[in-house]
Amino acid sequence: MRVEILKESKEEIEIKLDENHTLCNLLTDEIRKDKSVIACAYKIEHPLKKEFKIFVKTNGKDVRKVIRESIERLEKQFMELYKQLKK
């Protein structure tokens, strides 16, 4: 997966990913669960390209920390699912 930071400050970030709706939707939904998030959305650059932009804005919390914590929560959920299916 290719990740490119397009814009960044402590409270805002715009990221370009070569991924699909599934990952972007999952990630933005999880990011929005953080109470410090003011805005979080993604958009597709072109329907025939696999390039998405994710935008996140917080009310003061470090935006990278918000994203990392969201990814960690998703990882735990998937590990739990994996364990349940492995039984």
C-alpha atoms as a PDB file:
ATOM      1  CA  MET A   1       0.000   0.000   0.000  1.00  0.00           C
ATOM      2  CA  ARG A   2       1.348   3.374  -1.000  1.00  0.00           C
ATOM      3  CA  VAL A   3       0.666   6.252   1.421  1.00  0.00           C
ATOM      4  CA  GLU A   4       1.390   9.888   0.643  1.00  0.00           C
ATOM      5  CA  ILE A   5       0.900  12.766   3.091  1.00  0.00           C
ATOM      6  CA  LEU A   6      -0.505  15.664   1.072  1.00  0.00           C
ATOM      7  CA  LYS A   7      -1.065  18.185   3.899  1.00  0.00           C
ATOM      8  CA  GLU A   8      -0.386  17.997   7.598  1.00  0.00           C
ATOM      9  CA  SER A   9      -0.520  20.049  10.766  1.00  0.00           C
ATOM     10  CA  LYS A  10      -0.880  18.892  14.376  1.00  0.00           C
ATOM     11  CA  GLU A  11      -4.680  18.833  14.104  1.00  0.00           C
ATOM     12  CA  GLU A  12      -5.294  18.118  10.390  1.00  0.00           C
ATOM     13  CA  ILE A  13      -4.032  15.677   7.822  1.00  0.00           C
ATOM     14  CA  GLU A  14      -4.811  14.777   4.233  1.00  0.00           C
ATOM     15  CA  ILE A  15      -3.529  11.393   3.078  1.00  0.00           C
ATOM     16  CA  LYS A  16      -3.534   9.805  -0.361  1.00  0.00           C
ATOM     17  CA  LEU A  17      -3.848   5.997  -0.451  1.00  0.00           C
ATOM     18  CA  ASP A  18      -3.806   3.496  -3.275  1.00  0.00           C
ATOM     19  CA  GLU A  19      -6.551   1.398  -1.695  1.00  0.00           C
ATOM     20  CA  ASN A  20     -10.267   0.762  -2.102  1.00  0.00           C
ATOM     21  CA  HIS A  21     -13.604   1.752  -0.563  1.00  0.00           C
ATOM     22  CA  THR A  22     -13.492  -1.159   1.868  1.00  0.00           C
ATOM     23  CA  LEU A  23     -10.373  -0.063   3.710  1.00  0.00           C
ATOM     24  CA  CYS A  24     -11.107   3.661   3.509  1.00  0.00           C
ATOM     25  CA  ASN A  25     -14.667   3.220   4.778  1.00  0.00           C
ATOM     26  CA  LEU A  26     -13.533   0.966   7.620  1.00  0.00           C
ATOM     27  CA  LEU A  27     -10.761   3.344   8.654  1.00  0.00           C
ATOM     28  CA  THR A  28     -12.796   6.562   8.492  1.00  0.00           C
ATOM     29  CA  ASP A  29     -15.657   4.959  10.454  1.00  0.00           C
ATOM     30  CA  GLU A  30     -13.235   3.946  13.205  1.00  0.00           C
ATOM     31  CA  ILE A  31     -11.497   7.350  13.240  1.00  0.00           C
ATOM     32  CA  ARG A  32     -14.879   9.083  13.708  1.00  0.00           C
ATOM     33  CA  LYS A  33     -15.373   7.175  16.983  1.00  0.00           C
ATOM     34  CA  ASP A  34     -12.648   9.296  18.609  1.00  0.00           C
ATOM     35  CA  LYS A  35     -14.327  12.154  20.505  1.00  0.00           C
ATOM     36  CA  SER A  36     -11.594  14.607  19.483  1.00  0.00           C
ATOM     37  CA  VAL A  37     -12.375  14.197  15.766  1.00  0.00           C
ATOM     38  CA  ILE A  38     -14.220  17.163  14.266  1.00  0.00           C
ATOM     39  CA  ALA A  39     -14.234  15.916  10.672  1.00  0.00           C
ATOM     40  CA  CYS A  40     -13.226  12.740   8.886  1.00  0.00           C
ATOM     41  CA  ALA A  41     -14.013  11.775   5.319  1.00  0.00           C
ATOM     42  CA  TYR A  42     -12.593  10.134   2.251  1.00  0.00           C
ATOM     43  CA  LYS A  43     -13.124  10.644  -1.445  1.00  0.00           C
ATOM     44  CA  ILE A  44     -12.143   8.843  -4.591  1.00  0.00           C
ATOM     45  CA  GLU A  45     -10.060  10.825  -7.048  1.00  0.00           C
ATOM     46  CA  HIS A  46     -11.414   9.057 -10.132  1.00  0.00           C
ATOM     47  CA  PRO A  47     -13.723   6.028 -10.481  1.00  0.00           C
ATOM     48  CA  LEU A  48     -11.221   4.143 -12.633  1.00  0.00           C
ATOM     49  CA  LYS A  49      -8.239   4.794 -10.372  1.00  0.00           C
ATOM     50  CA  LYS A  50      -7.434   3.182  -7.056  1.00  0.00           C
ATOM     51  CA  GLU A  51      -6.546   6.486  -5.374  1.00  0.00           C
ATOM     52  CA  PHE A  52      -8.373   7.785  -2.340  1.00  0.00           C
ATOM     53  CA  LYS A  53      -7.863  10.841  -0.164  1.00  0.00           C
ATOM     54  CA  ILE A  54      -8.627  10.719   3.548  1.00  0.00           C
ATOM     55  CA  PHE A  55      -9.051  13.950   5.507  1.00  0.00           C
ATOM     56  CA  VAL A  56      -9.030  14.083   9.321  1.00  0.00           C
ATOM     57  CA  LYS A  57      -9.359  17.118  11.608  1.00  0.00           C
ATOM     58  CA  THR A  58      -9.275  17.068  15.417  1.00  0.00           C
ATOM     59  CA  ASN A  59     -10.031  19.601  18.131  1.00  0.00           C
ATOM     60  CA  GLY A  60      -6.437  19.642  19.355  1.00  0.00           C
ATOM     61  CA  LYS A  61      -5.401  16.003  19.733  1.00  0.00           C
ATOM     62  CA  ASP A  62      -2.464  14.907  17.590  1.00  0.00           C
ATOM     63  CA  VAL A  63      -4.037  13.678  14.359  1.00  0.00           C
ATOM     64  CA  ARG A  64      -1.426  10.969  13.767  1.00  0.00           C
ATOM     65  CA  LYS A  65      -2.106   9.583  17.245  1.00  0.00           C
ATOM     66  CA  VAL A  66      -5.841   9.456  16.469  1.00  0.00           C
ATOM     67  CA  ILE A  67      -5.169   7.483  13.284  1.00  0.00           C
ATOM     68  CA  ARG A  68      -2.720   5.100  14.988  1.00  0.00           C
ATOM     69  CA  GLU A  69      -5.177   4.405  17.819  1.00  0.00           C
ATOM     70  CA  SER A  70      -7.950   3.747  15.297  1.00  0.00           C
ATOM     71  CA  ILE A  71      -5.779   1.281  13.396  1.00  0.00           C
ATOM     72  CA  GLU A  72      -4.881  -0.475  16.662  1.00  0.00           C
ATOM     73  CA  ARG A  73      -8.586  -0.847  17.554  1.00  0.00           C
ATOM     74  CA  LEU A  74      -9.308  -2.309  14.121  1.00  0.00           C
ATOM     75  CA  GLU A  75      -6.378  -4.680  14.477  1.00  0.00           C
ATOM     76  CA  LYS A  76      -7.774  -5.950  17.808  1.00  0.00           C
ATOM     77  CA  GLN A  77     -11.201  -6.474  16.249  1.00  0.00           C
ATOM     78  CA  PHE A  78      -9.746  -8.461  13.367  1.00  0.00           C
ATOM     79  CA  MET A  79      -7.582 -10.549  15.692  1.00  0.00           C
ATOM     80  CA  GLU A  80     -10.654 -11.397  17.763  1.00  0.00           C
ATOM     81  CA  LEU A  81     -12.534 -12.385  14.608  1.00  0.00           C
ATOM     82  CA  TYR A  82      -9.566 -14.495  13.502  1.00  0.00           C
ATOM     83  CA  LYS A  83      -9.467 -16.288  16.871  1.00  0.00           C
ATOM     84  CA  GLN A  84     -13.200 -16.998  16.747  1.00  0.00           C
ATOM     85  CA  LEU A  85     -12.979 -18.421  13.239  1.00  0.00           C
ATOM     86  CA  LYS A  86      -9.929 -20.509  14.086  1.00  0.00           C
ATOM     87  CA  LYS A  87     -11.811 -22.537  16.726  1.00  0.00           C
END
